[in-house]
């Protein structure tokens, strides 16, 4: 094999290697860009935080209402019991 052919082979392999390195660099840059984009995570965290605050407030209001002994809860409970009783009766008989 002549020196010219070995040089051509080396050049071909060098071009292949350069192409692979370029592809790897592109993939690495894409991964970095995706990993650096925290906006979706931040917005999800904010949404969940706001939802938890809202749930805590609602639970607190419900607890105060139940402790106050409003008659509406007794009425709602009786109505639900009657509905469940009728549902069981029609379902099984």
PDB file of N, CA and C in Angstrom:
ATOM      1  N   UNK A   1       0.851  -1.170   0.000  1.00  0.00           N
ATOM      2  CA  UNK A   1       0.000   0.000   0.000  1.00  0.00           C
ATOM      3  C   UNK A   1       0.901   1.239   0.000  1.00  0.00           C
ATOM      4  N   UNK A   2       0.604   2.153  -0.818  1.00  0.00           N
ATOM      5  CA  UNK A   2       1.465   3.335  -0.940  1.00  0.00           C
ATOM      6  C   UNK A   2       1.123   4.371   0.130  1.00  0.00           C
ATOM      7  N   UNK A   3       2.004   5.293   0.326  1.00  0.00           N
ATOM      8  CA  UNK A   3       1.813   6.357   1.310  1.00  0.00           C
ATOM      9  C   UNK A   3       0.602   7.209   0.945  1.00  0.00           C
ATOM     10  N   UNK A   4       0.376   7.396  -0.346  1.00  0.00           N
ATOM     11  CA  UNK A   4      -0.765   8.204  -0.799  1.00  0.00           C
ATOM     12  C   UNK A   4      -2.084   7.540  -0.394  1.00  0.00           C
ATOM     13  N   UNK A   5      -2.188   6.226  -0.547  1.00  0.00           N
ATOM     14  CA  UNK A   5      -3.415   5.512  -0.200  1.00  0.00           C
ATOM     15  C   UNK A   5      -3.643   5.556   1.314  1.00  0.00           C
ATOM     16  N   UNK A   6      -2.586   5.413   2.097  1.00  0.00           N
ATOM     17  CA  UNK A   6      -2.729   5.487   3.556  1.00  0.00           C
ATOM     18  C   UNK A   6      -3.166   6.894   3.979  1.00  0.00           C
ATOM     19  N   UNK A   7      -2.639   7.886   3.302  1.00  0.00           N
ATOM     20  CA  UNK A   7      -3.036   9.270   3.599  1.00  0.00           C
ATOM     21  C   UNK A   7      -4.517   9.480   3.270  1.00  0.00           C
ATOM     22  N   UNK A   8      -4.968   8.948   2.173  1.00  0.00           N
ATOM     23  CA  UNK A   8      -6.393   9.044   1.792  1.00  0.00           C
ATOM     24  C   UNK A   8      -7.276   8.321   2.811  1.00  0.00           C
ATOM     25  N   UNK A   9      -6.828   7.148   3.259  1.00  0.00           N
ATOM     26  CA  UNK A   9      -7.570   6.395   4.266  1.00  0.00           C
ATOM     27  C   UNK A   9      -7.642   7.189   5.573  1.00  0.00           C
ATOM     28  N   UNK A  10      -6.541   7.771   5.968  1.00  0.00           N
ATOM     29  CA  UNK A  10      -6.528   8.593   7.181  1.00  0.00           C
ATOM     30  C   UNK A  10      -7.463   9.790   7.050  1.00  0.00           C
ATOM     31  N   UNK A  11      -7.454  10.442   5.901  1.00  0.00           N
ATOM     32  CA  UNK A  11      -8.340  11.583   5.679  1.00  0.00           C
ATOM     33  C   UNK A  11      -9.810  11.168   5.746  1.00  0.00           C
ATOM     34  N   UNK A  12     -10.133  10.009   5.153  1.00  0.00           N
ATOM     35  CA  UNK A  12     -11.512   9.517   5.188  1.00  0.00           C
ATOM     36  C   UNK A  12     -11.943   9.234   6.624  1.00  0.00           C
ATOM     37  N   UNK A  13     -11.098   8.566   7.376  1.00  0.00           N
ATOM     38  CA  UNK A  13     -11.419   8.261   8.773  1.00  0.00           C
ATOM     39  C   UNK A  13     -11.506   9.534   9.609  1.00  0.00           C
ATOM     40  N   UNK A  14     -10.661  10.485   9.331  1.00  0.00           N
ATOM     41  CA  UNK A  14     -10.695  11.758  10.041  1.00  0.00           C
ATOM     42  C   UNK A  14     -12.010  12.495   9.764  1.00  0.00           C
ATOM     43  N   UNK A  15     -12.471  12.467   8.535  1.00  0.00           N
ATOM     44  CA  UNK A  15     -13.763  13.094   8.197  1.00  0.00           C
ATOM     45  C   UNK A  15     -14.913  12.377   8.893  1.00  0.00           C
ATOM     46  N   UNK A  16     -14.865  11.045   8.958  1.00  0.00           N
ATOM     47  CA  UNK A  16     -15.905  10.290   9.660  1.00  0.00           C
ATOM     48  C   UNK A  16     -15.915  10.644  11.146  1.00  0.00           C
ATOM     49  N   UNK A  17     -14.729  10.723  11.723  1.00  0.00           N
ATOM     50  CA  UNK A  17     -14.608  11.080  13.132  1.00  0.00           C
ATOM     51  C   UNK A  17     -15.121  12.502  13.382  1.00  0.00           C
ATOM     52  N   UNK A  18     -14.789  13.415  12.504  1.00  0.00           N
ATOM     53  CA  UNK A  18     -15.264  14.798  12.636  1.00  0.00           C
ATOM     54  C   UNK A  18     -16.778  14.853  12.554  1.00  0.00           C
ATOM     55  N   UNK A  19     -17.369  14.047  11.694  1.00  0.00           N
ATOM     56  CA  UNK A  19     -18.823  13.993  11.565  1.00  0.00           C
ATOM     57  C   UNK A  19     -19.461  13.457  12.853  1.00  0.00           C
ATOM     58  N   UNK A  20     -18.879  12.407  13.407  1.00  0.00           N
ATOM     59  CA  UNK A  20     -19.404  11.836  14.654  1.00  0.00           C
ATOM     60  C   UNK A  20     -19.274  12.821  15.806  1.00  0.00           C
ATOM     61  N   UNK A  21     -18.155  13.519  15.868  1.00  0.00           N
ATOM     62  CA  UNK A  21     -17.961  14.515  16.925  1.00  0.00           C
ATOM     63  C   UNK A  21     -18.967  15.653  16.781  1.00  0.00           C
ATOM     64  N   UNK A  22     -19.239  16.063  15.564  1.00  0.00           N
ATOM     65  CA  UNK A  22     -20.220  17.113  15.317  1.00  0.00           C
ATOM     66  C   UNK A  22     -21.615  16.672  15.768  1.00  0.00           C
ATOM     67  N   UNK A  23     -21.964  15.429  15.455  1.00  0.00           N
ATOM     68  CA  UNK A  23     -23.267  14.894  15.886  1.00  0.00           C
ATOM     69  C   UNK A  23     -23.349  14.835  17.404  1.00  0.00           C
ATOM     70  N   UNK A  24     -22.278  14.376  18.038  1.00  0.00           N
ATOM     71  CA  UNK A  24     -22.247  14.298  19.492  1.00  0.00           C
ATOM     72  C   UNK A  24     -22.358  15.679  20.123  1.00  0.00           C
ATOM     73  N   UNK A  25     -21.683  16.650  19.561  1.00  0.00           N
ATOM     74  CA  UNK A  25     -21.761  18.025  20.061  1.00  0.00           C
ATOM     75  C   UNK A  25     -23.189  18.557  19.937  1.00  0.00           C
ATOM     76  N   UNK A  26     -23.827  18.274  18.818  1.00  0.00           N
ATOM     77  CA  UNK A  26     -25.209  18.719  18.613  1.00  0.00           C
ATOM     78  C   UNK A  26     -26.153  18.101  19.643  1.00  0.00           C
ATOM     79  N   UNK A  27     -26.005  16.800  19.868  1.00  0.00           N
ATOM     80  CA  UNK A  27     -26.844  16.122  20.866  1.00  0.00           C
ATOM     81  C   UNK A  27     -26.582  16.682  22.255  1.00  0.00           C
ATOM     82  N   UNK A  28     -25.320  16.907  22.580  1.00  0.00           N
ATOM     83  CA  UNK A  28     -24.970  17.458  23.883  1.00  0.00           C
ATOM     84  C   UNK A  28     -25.562  18.846  24.075  1.00  0.00           C
ATOM     85  N   UNK A  29     -25.509  19.675  23.055  1.00  0.00           N
ATOM     86  CA  UNK A  29     -26.107  21.012  23.139  1.00  0.00           C
ATOM     87  C   UNK A  29     -27.618  20.935  23.305  1.00  0.00           C
ATOM     88  N   UNK A  30     -28.263  20.010  22.610  1.00  0.00           N
ATOM     89  CA  UNK A  30     -29.716  19.837  22.754  1.00  0.00           C
ATOM     90  C   UNK A  30     -30.076  19.397  24.169  1.00  0.00           C
ATOM     91  N   UNK A  31     -29.306  18.453  24.715  1.00  0.00           N
ATOM     92  CA  UNK A  31     -29.564  17.997  26.082  1.00  0.00           C
ATOM     93  C   UNK A  31     -29.371  19.151  27.065  1.00  0.00           C
ATOM     94  N   UNK A  32     -28.334  19.926  26.871  1.00  0.00           N
ATOM     95  CA  UNK A  32     -28.088  21.071  27.750  1.00  0.00           C
ATOM     96  C   UNK A  32     -29.233  22.082  27.670  1.00  0.00           C
ATOM     97  N   UNK A  33     -29.719  22.339  26.466  1.00  0.00           N
ATOM     98  CA  UNK A  33     -30.812  23.295  26.301  1.00  0.00           C
ATOM     99  C   UNK A  33     -32.076  22.795  26.994  1.00  0.00           C
ATOM    100  N   UNK A  34     -32.354  21.497  26.867  1.00  0.00           N
ATOM    101  CA  UNK A  34     -33.542  20.945  27.515  1.00  0.00           C
ATOM    102  C   UNK A  34     -33.394  20.949  29.038  1.00  0.00           C
ATOM    103  N   UNK A  35     -32.216  20.619  29.530  1.00  0.00           N
ATOM    104  CA  UNK A  35     -31.993  20.577  30.971  1.00  0.00           C
ATOM    105  C   UNK A  35     -31.999  21.973  31.576  1.00  0.00           C
ATOM    106  N   UNK A  36     -31.650  22.970  30.810  1.00  0.00           N
ATOM    107  CA  UNK A  36     -31.612  24.335  31.318  1.00  0.00           C
ATOM    108  C   UNK A  36     -32.982  25.005  31.310  1.00  0.00           C
ATOM    109  N   UNK A  37     -33.950  24.407  30.645  1.00  0.00           N
ATOM    110  CA  UNK A  37     -35.280  24.999  30.546  1.00  0.00           C
ATOM    111  C   UNK A  37     -36.119  24.572  31.745  1.00  0.00           C
ATOM    112  N   UNK A  38     -36.094  25.382  32.788  1.00  0.00           N
ATOM    113  CA  UNK A  38     -36.832  25.076  33.997  1.00  0.00           C
ATOM    114  C   UNK A  38     -38.200  25.749  34.038  1.00  0.00           C
ATOM    115  N   UNK A  39     -38.610  26.421  32.999  1.00  0.00           N
ATOM    116  CA  UNK A  39     -39.857  27.184  33.036  1.00  0.00           C
ATOM    117  C   UNK A  39     -41.069  26.279  33.270  1.00  0.00           C
ATOM    118  N   UNK A  40     -41.097  25.112  32.649  1.00  0.00           N
ATOM    119  CA  UNK A  40     -42.220  24.190  32.849  1.00  0.00           C
ATOM    120  C   UNK A  40     -42.253  23.689  34.288  1.00  0.00           C
ATOM    121  N   UNK A  41     -41.092  23.347  34.822  1.00  0.00           N
ATOM    122  CA  UNK A  41     -41.031  22.870  36.204  1.00  0.00           C
ATOM    123  C   UNK A  41     -41.437  23.983  37.164  1.00  0.00           C
ATOM    124  N   UNK A  42     -40.968  25.198  36.912  1.00  0.00           N
ATOM    125  CA  UNK A  42     -41.308  26.322  37.778  1.00  0.00           C
ATOM    126  C   UNK A  42     -42.800  26.621  37.754  1.00  0.00           C
ATOM    127  N   UNK A  43     -43.391  26.624  36.569  1.00  0.00           N
ATOM    128  CA  UNK A  43     -44.823  26.922  36.480  1.00  0.00           C
ATOM    129  C   UNK A  43     -45.648  25.818  37.131  1.00  0.00           C
ATOM    130  N   UNK A  44     -45.207  24.567  36.988  1.00  0.00           N
ATOM    131  CA  UNK A  44     -45.926  23.464  37.634  1.00  0.00           C
ATOM    132  C   UNK A  44     -45.818  23.574  39.148  1.00  0.00           C
ATOM    133  N   UNK A  45     -44.651  23.918  39.641  1.00  0.00           N
ATOM    134  CA  UNK A  45     -44.465  24.090  41.080  1.00  0.00           C
ATOM    135  C   UNK A  45     -45.346  25.211  41.611  1.00  0.00           C
ATOM    136  N   UNK A  46     -45.418  26.316  40.886  1.00  0.00           N
ATOM    137  CA  UNK A  46     -46.271  27.427  41.305  1.00  0.00           C
ATOM    138  C   UNK A  46     -47.737  27.025  41.313  1.00  0.00           C
ATOM    139  N   UNK A  47     -48.165  26.300  40.285  1.00  0.00           N
ATOM    140  CA  UNK A  47     -49.563  25.876  40.199  1.00  0.00           C
ATOM    141  C   UNK A  47     -49.921  24.943  41.350  1.00  0.00           C
ATOM    142  N   UNK A  48     -49.053  23.989  41.632  1.00  0.00           N
ATOM    143  CA  UNK A  48     -49.313  23.059  42.729  1.00  0.00           C
ATOM    144  C   UNK A  48     -49.314  23.801  44.062  1.00  0.00           C
ATOM    145  N   UNK A  49     -48.415  24.730  44.242  1.00  0.00           N
ATOM    146  CA  UNK A  49     -48.387  25.525  45.472  1.00  0.00           C
ATOM    147  C   UNK A  49     -49.667  26.322  45.661  1.00  0.00           C
ATOM    148  N   UNK A  50     -50.131  26.953  44.589  1.00  0.00           N
ATOM    149  CA  UNK A  50     -51.387  27.711  44.676  1.00  0.00           C
ATOM    150  C   UNK A  50     -52.565  26.793  44.968  1.00  0.00           C
ATOM    151  N   UNK A  51     -52.572  25.604  44.352  1.00  0.00           N
ATOM    152  CA  UNK A  51     -53.655  24.659  44.587  1.00  0.00           C
ATOM    153  C   UNK A  51     -53.652  24.201  46.047  1.00  0.00           C
ATOM    154  N   UNK A  52     -52.464  23.925  46.602  1.00  0.00           N
ATOM    155  CA  UNK A  52     -52.386  23.489  47.998  1.00  0.00           C
ATOM    156  C   UNK A  52     -52.863  24.587  48.945  1.00  0.00           C
ATOM    157  N   UNK A  53     -52.527  25.829  48.647  1.00  0.00           N
ATOM    158  CA  UNK A  53     -53.003  26.940  49.465  1.00  0.00           C
ATOM    159  C   UNK A  53     -54.522  27.026  49.421  1.00  0.00           C
ATOM    160  N   UNK A  54     -55.078  26.848  48.236  1.00  0.00           N
ATOM    161  CA  UNK A  54     -56.530  26.883  48.075  1.00  0.00           C
ATOM    162  C   UNK A  54     -57.200  25.729  48.819  1.00  0.00           C
ATOM    163  N   UNK A  55     -56.620  24.534  48.735  1.00  0.00           N
ATOM    164  CA  UNK A  55     -57.187  23.371  49.430  1.00  0.00           C
ATOM    165  C   UNK A  55     -57.116  23.565  50.937  1.00  0.00           C
ATOM    166  N   UNK A  56     -56.000  24.092  51.431  1.00  0.00           N
ATOM    167  CA  UNK A  56     -55.885  24.347  52.870  1.00  0.00           C
ATOM    168  C   UNK A  56     -56.937  25.359  53.336  1.00  0.00           C
ATOM    169  N   UNK A  57     -57.129  26.407  52.541  1.00  0.00           N
ATOM    170  CA  UNK A  57     -58.141  27.404  52.893  1.00  0.00           C
ATOM    171  C   UNK A  57     -59.533  26.809  52.902  1.00  0.00           C
ATOM    172  N   UNK A  58     -59.835  25.998  51.900  1.00  0.00           N
ATOM    173  CA  UNK A  58     -61.157  25.366  51.841  1.00  0.00           C
ATOM    174  C   UNK A  58     -61.356  24.396  52.999  1.00  0.00           C
ATOM    175  N   UNK A  59     -60.326  23.626  53.323  1.00  0.00           N
ATOM    176  CA  UNK A  59     -60.426  22.686  54.433  1.00  0.00           C
ATOM    177  C   UNK A  59     -60.618  23.426  55.755  1.00  0.00           C
ATOM    178  N   UNK A  60     -59.929  24.542  55.892  1.00  0.00           N
ATOM    179  CA  UNK A  60     -60.071  25.343  57.103  1.00  0.00           C
ATOM    180  C   UNK A  60     -61.497  25.887  57.231  1.00  0.00           C
ATOM    181  N   UNK A  61     -62.034  26.389  56.130  1.00  0.00           N
ATOM    182  CA  UNK A  61     -63.409  26.906  56.151  1.00  0.00           C
ATOM    183  C   UNK A  61     -64.407  25.791  56.446  1.00  0.00           C
ATOM    184  N   UNK A  62     -64.195  24.626  55.861  1.00  0.00           N
ATOM    185  CA  UNK A  62     -65.079  23.490  56.105  1.00  0.00           C
ATOM    186  C   UNK A  62     -65.006  23.065  57.564  1.00  0.00           C
ATOM    187  N   UNK A  63     -63.812  23.038  58.118  1.00  0.00           N
ATOM    188  CA  UNK A  63     -63.653  22.681  59.533  1.00  0.00           C
ATOM    189  C   UNK A  63     -64.358  23.659  60.455  1.00  0.00           C
ATOM    190  N   UNK A  64     -64.219  24.950  60.173  1.00  0.00           N
ATOM    191  CA  UNK A  64     -64.913  25.958  60.991  1.00  0.00           C
ATOM    192  C   UNK A  64     -66.414  25.821  60.880  1.00  0.00           C
ATOM    193  N   UNK A  65     -66.878  25.533  59.664  1.00  0.00           N
ATOM    194  CA  UNK A  65     -68.312  25.375  59.451  1.00  0.00           C
ATOM    195  C   UNK A  65     -68.840  24.152  60.198  1.00  0.00           C
ATOM    196  N   UNK A  66     -68.085  23.069  60.176  1.00  0.00           N
ATOM    197  CA  UNK A  66     -68.517  21.861  60.884  1.00  0.00           C
ATOM    198  C   UNK A  66     -68.492  22.063  62.392  1.00  0.00           C
ATOM    199  N   UNK A  67     -67.467  22.788  62.891  1.00  0.00           N
ATOM    200  CA  UNK A  67     -67.384  23.048  64.324  1.00  0.00           C
ATOM    201  C   UNK A  67     -68.510  23.970  64.792  1.00  0.00           C
ATOM    202  N   UNK A  68     -68.946  24.867  63.910  1.00  0.00           N
ATOM    203  CA  UNK A  68     -70.023  25.782  64.282  1.00  0.00           C
ATOM    204  C   UNK A  68     -71.353  25.042  64.403  1.00  0.00           C
ATOM    205  N   UNK A  69     -71.442  23.863  63.811  1.00  0.00           N
ATOM    206  CA  UNK A  69     -72.646  23.040  63.949  1.00  0.00           C
ATOM    207  C   UNK A  69     -73.815  23.547  63.130  1.00  0.00           C
ATOM    208  N   UNK A  70     -73.546  24.033  61.955  1.00  0.00           N
ATOM    209  CA  UNK A  70     -74.627  24.499  61.103  1.00  0.00           C
ATOM    210  C   UNK A  70     -75.586  23.353  60.800  1.00  0.00           C
ATOM    211  N   UNK A  71     -76.877  23.604  60.840  1.00  0.00           N
ATOM    212  CA  UNK A  71     -77.854  22.533  60.578  1.00  0.00           C
ATOM    213  C   UNK A  71     -77.820  22.049  59.124  1.00  0.00           C
ATOM    214  N   UNK A  72     -77.200  22.813  58.233  1.00  0.00           N
ATOM    215  CA  UNK A  72     -77.164  22.400  56.823  1.00  0.00           C
ATOM    216  C   UNK A  72     -76.393  21.094  56.666  1.00  0.00           C
ATOM    217  N   UNK A  73     -75.363  20.887  57.489  1.00  0.00           N
ATOM    218  CA  UNK A  73     -74.571  19.654  57.384  1.00  0.00           C
ATOM    219  C   UNK A  73     -75.390  18.438  57.809  1.00  0.00           C
ATOM    220  N   UNK A  74     -76.212  18.628  58.819  1.00  0.00           N
ATOM    221  CA  UNK A  74     -77.083  17.536  59.236  1.00  0.00           C
ATOM    222  C   UNK A  74     -78.080  17.217  58.129  1.00  0.00           C
ATOM    223  N   UNK A  75     -78.607  18.233  57.492  1.00  0.00           N
ATOM    224  CA  UNK A  75     -79.561  18.037  56.399  1.00  0.00           C
ATOM    225  C   UNK A  75     -78.891  17.358  55.206  1.00  0.00           C
ATOM    226  N   UNK A  76     -77.707  17.784  54.869  1.00  0.00           N
ATOM    227  CA  UNK A  76     -76.975  17.171  53.762  1.00  0.00           C
ATOM    228  C   UNK A  76     -76.659  15.717  54.084  1.00  0.00           C
ATOM    229  N   UNK A  77     -76.245  15.437  55.300  1.00  0.00           N
ATOM    230  CA  UNK A  77     -75.950  14.065  55.707  1.00  0.00           C
ATOM    231  C   UNK A  77     -77.162  13.166  55.617  1.00  0.00           C
ATOM    232  N   UNK A  78     -78.312  13.655  56.093  1.00  0.00           N
ATOM    233  CA  UNK A  78     -79.545  12.870  56.021  1.00  0.00           C
ATOM    234  C   UNK A  78     -79.942  12.638  54.571  1.00  0.00           C
ATOM    235  N   UNK A  79     -79.818  13.673  53.730  1.00  0.00           N
ATOM    236  CA  UNK A  79     -80.176  13.534  52.321  1.00  0.00           C
ATOM    237  C   UNK A  79     -79.271  12.505  51.637  1.00  0.00           C
ATOM    238  N   UNK A  80     -77.993  12.538  51.921  1.00  0.00           N
ATOM    239  CA  UNK A  80     -77.074  11.561  51.331  1.00  0.00           C
ATOM    240  C   UNK A  80     -77.384  10.143  51.814  1.00  0.00           C
ATOM    241  N   UNK A  81     -77.717  10.007  53.084  1.00  0.00           N
ATOM    242  CA  UNK A  81     -78.066   8.688  53.614  1.00  0.00           C
ATOM    243  C   UNK A  81     -79.316   8.146  52.929  1.00  0.00           C
ATOM    244  N   UNK A  82     -80.309   8.999  52.718  1.00  0.00           N
ATOM    245  CA  UNK A  82     -81.549   8.570  52.050  1.00  0.00           C
ATOM    246  C   UNK A  82     -81.254   8.180  50.606  1.00  0.00           C
ATOM    247  N   UNK A  83     -80.450   8.970  49.913  1.00  0.00           N
ATOM    248  CA  UNK A  83     -80.116   8.660  48.515  1.00  0.00           C
ATOM    249  C   UNK A  83     -79.377   7.334  48.420  1.00  0.00           C
ATOM    250  N   UNK A  84     -78.398   7.114  49.321  1.00  0.00           N
ATOM    251  CA  UNK A  84     -77.665   5.845  49.316  1.00  0.00           C
ATOM    252  C   UNK A  84     -78.576   4.672  49.641  1.00  0.00           C
ATOM    253  N   UNK A  85     -79.491   4.846  50.604  1.00  0.00           N
ATOM    254  CA  UNK A  85     -80.439   3.789  50.962  1.00  0.00           C
ATOM    255  C   UNK A  85     -81.326   3.436  49.764  1.00  0.00           C
ATOM    256  N   UNK A  86     -81.843   4.450  49.086  1.00  0.00           N
ATOM    257  CA  UNK A  86     -82.688   4.199  47.906  1.00  0.00           C
ATOM    258  C   UNK A  86     -81.887   3.539  46.791  1.00  0.00           C
ATOM    259  N   UNK A  87     -80.652   3.966  46.594  1.00  0.00           N
ATOM    260  CA  UNK A  87     -79.810   3.373  45.551  1.00  0.00           C
ATOM    261  C   UNK A  87     -79.565   1.895  45.833  1.00  0.00           C
ATOM    262  N   UNK A  88     -79.248   1.569  47.119  1.00  0.00           N
ATOM    263  CA  UNK A  88     -79.042   0.162  47.470  1.00  0.00           C
ATOM    264  C   UNK A  88     -80.318  -0.654  47.289  1.00  0.00           C
ATOM    265  N   UNK A  89     -81.456  -0.069  47.676  1.00  0.00           N
ATOM    266  CA  UNK A  89     -82.724  -0.798  47.526  1.00  0.00           C
ATOM    267  C   UNK A  89     -83.049  -1.090  46.080  1.00  0.00           C
ATOM    268  N   UNK A  90     -82.899  -0.112  45.217  1.00  0.00           N
ATOM    269  CA  UNK A  90     -83.214  -0.325  43.788  1.00  0.00           C
ATOM    270  C   UNK A  90     -82.158  -1.191  43.098  1.00  0.00           C
ATOM    271  N   UNK A  91     -80.937  -1.120  43.542  1.00  0.00           N
ATOM    272  CA  UNK A  91     -79.883  -1.900  42.921  1.00  0.00           C
ATOM    273  C   UNK A  91     -79.981  -3.381  43.256  1.00  0.00           C
ATOM    274  N   UNK A  92     -80.303  -3.696  44.498  1.00  0.00           N
ATOM    275  CA  UNK A  92     -80.305  -5.091  44.927  1.00  0.00           C
ATOM    276  C   UNK A  92     -81.689  -5.737  44.972  1.00  0.00           C
ATOM    277  N   UNK A  93     -82.766  -4.971  44.836  1.00  0.00           N
ATOM    278  CA  UNK A  93     -84.117  -5.560  44.860  1.00  0.00           C
ATOM    279  C   UNK A  93     -84.902  -5.225  43.640  1.00  0.00           C
TER     280      UNK A  93
END
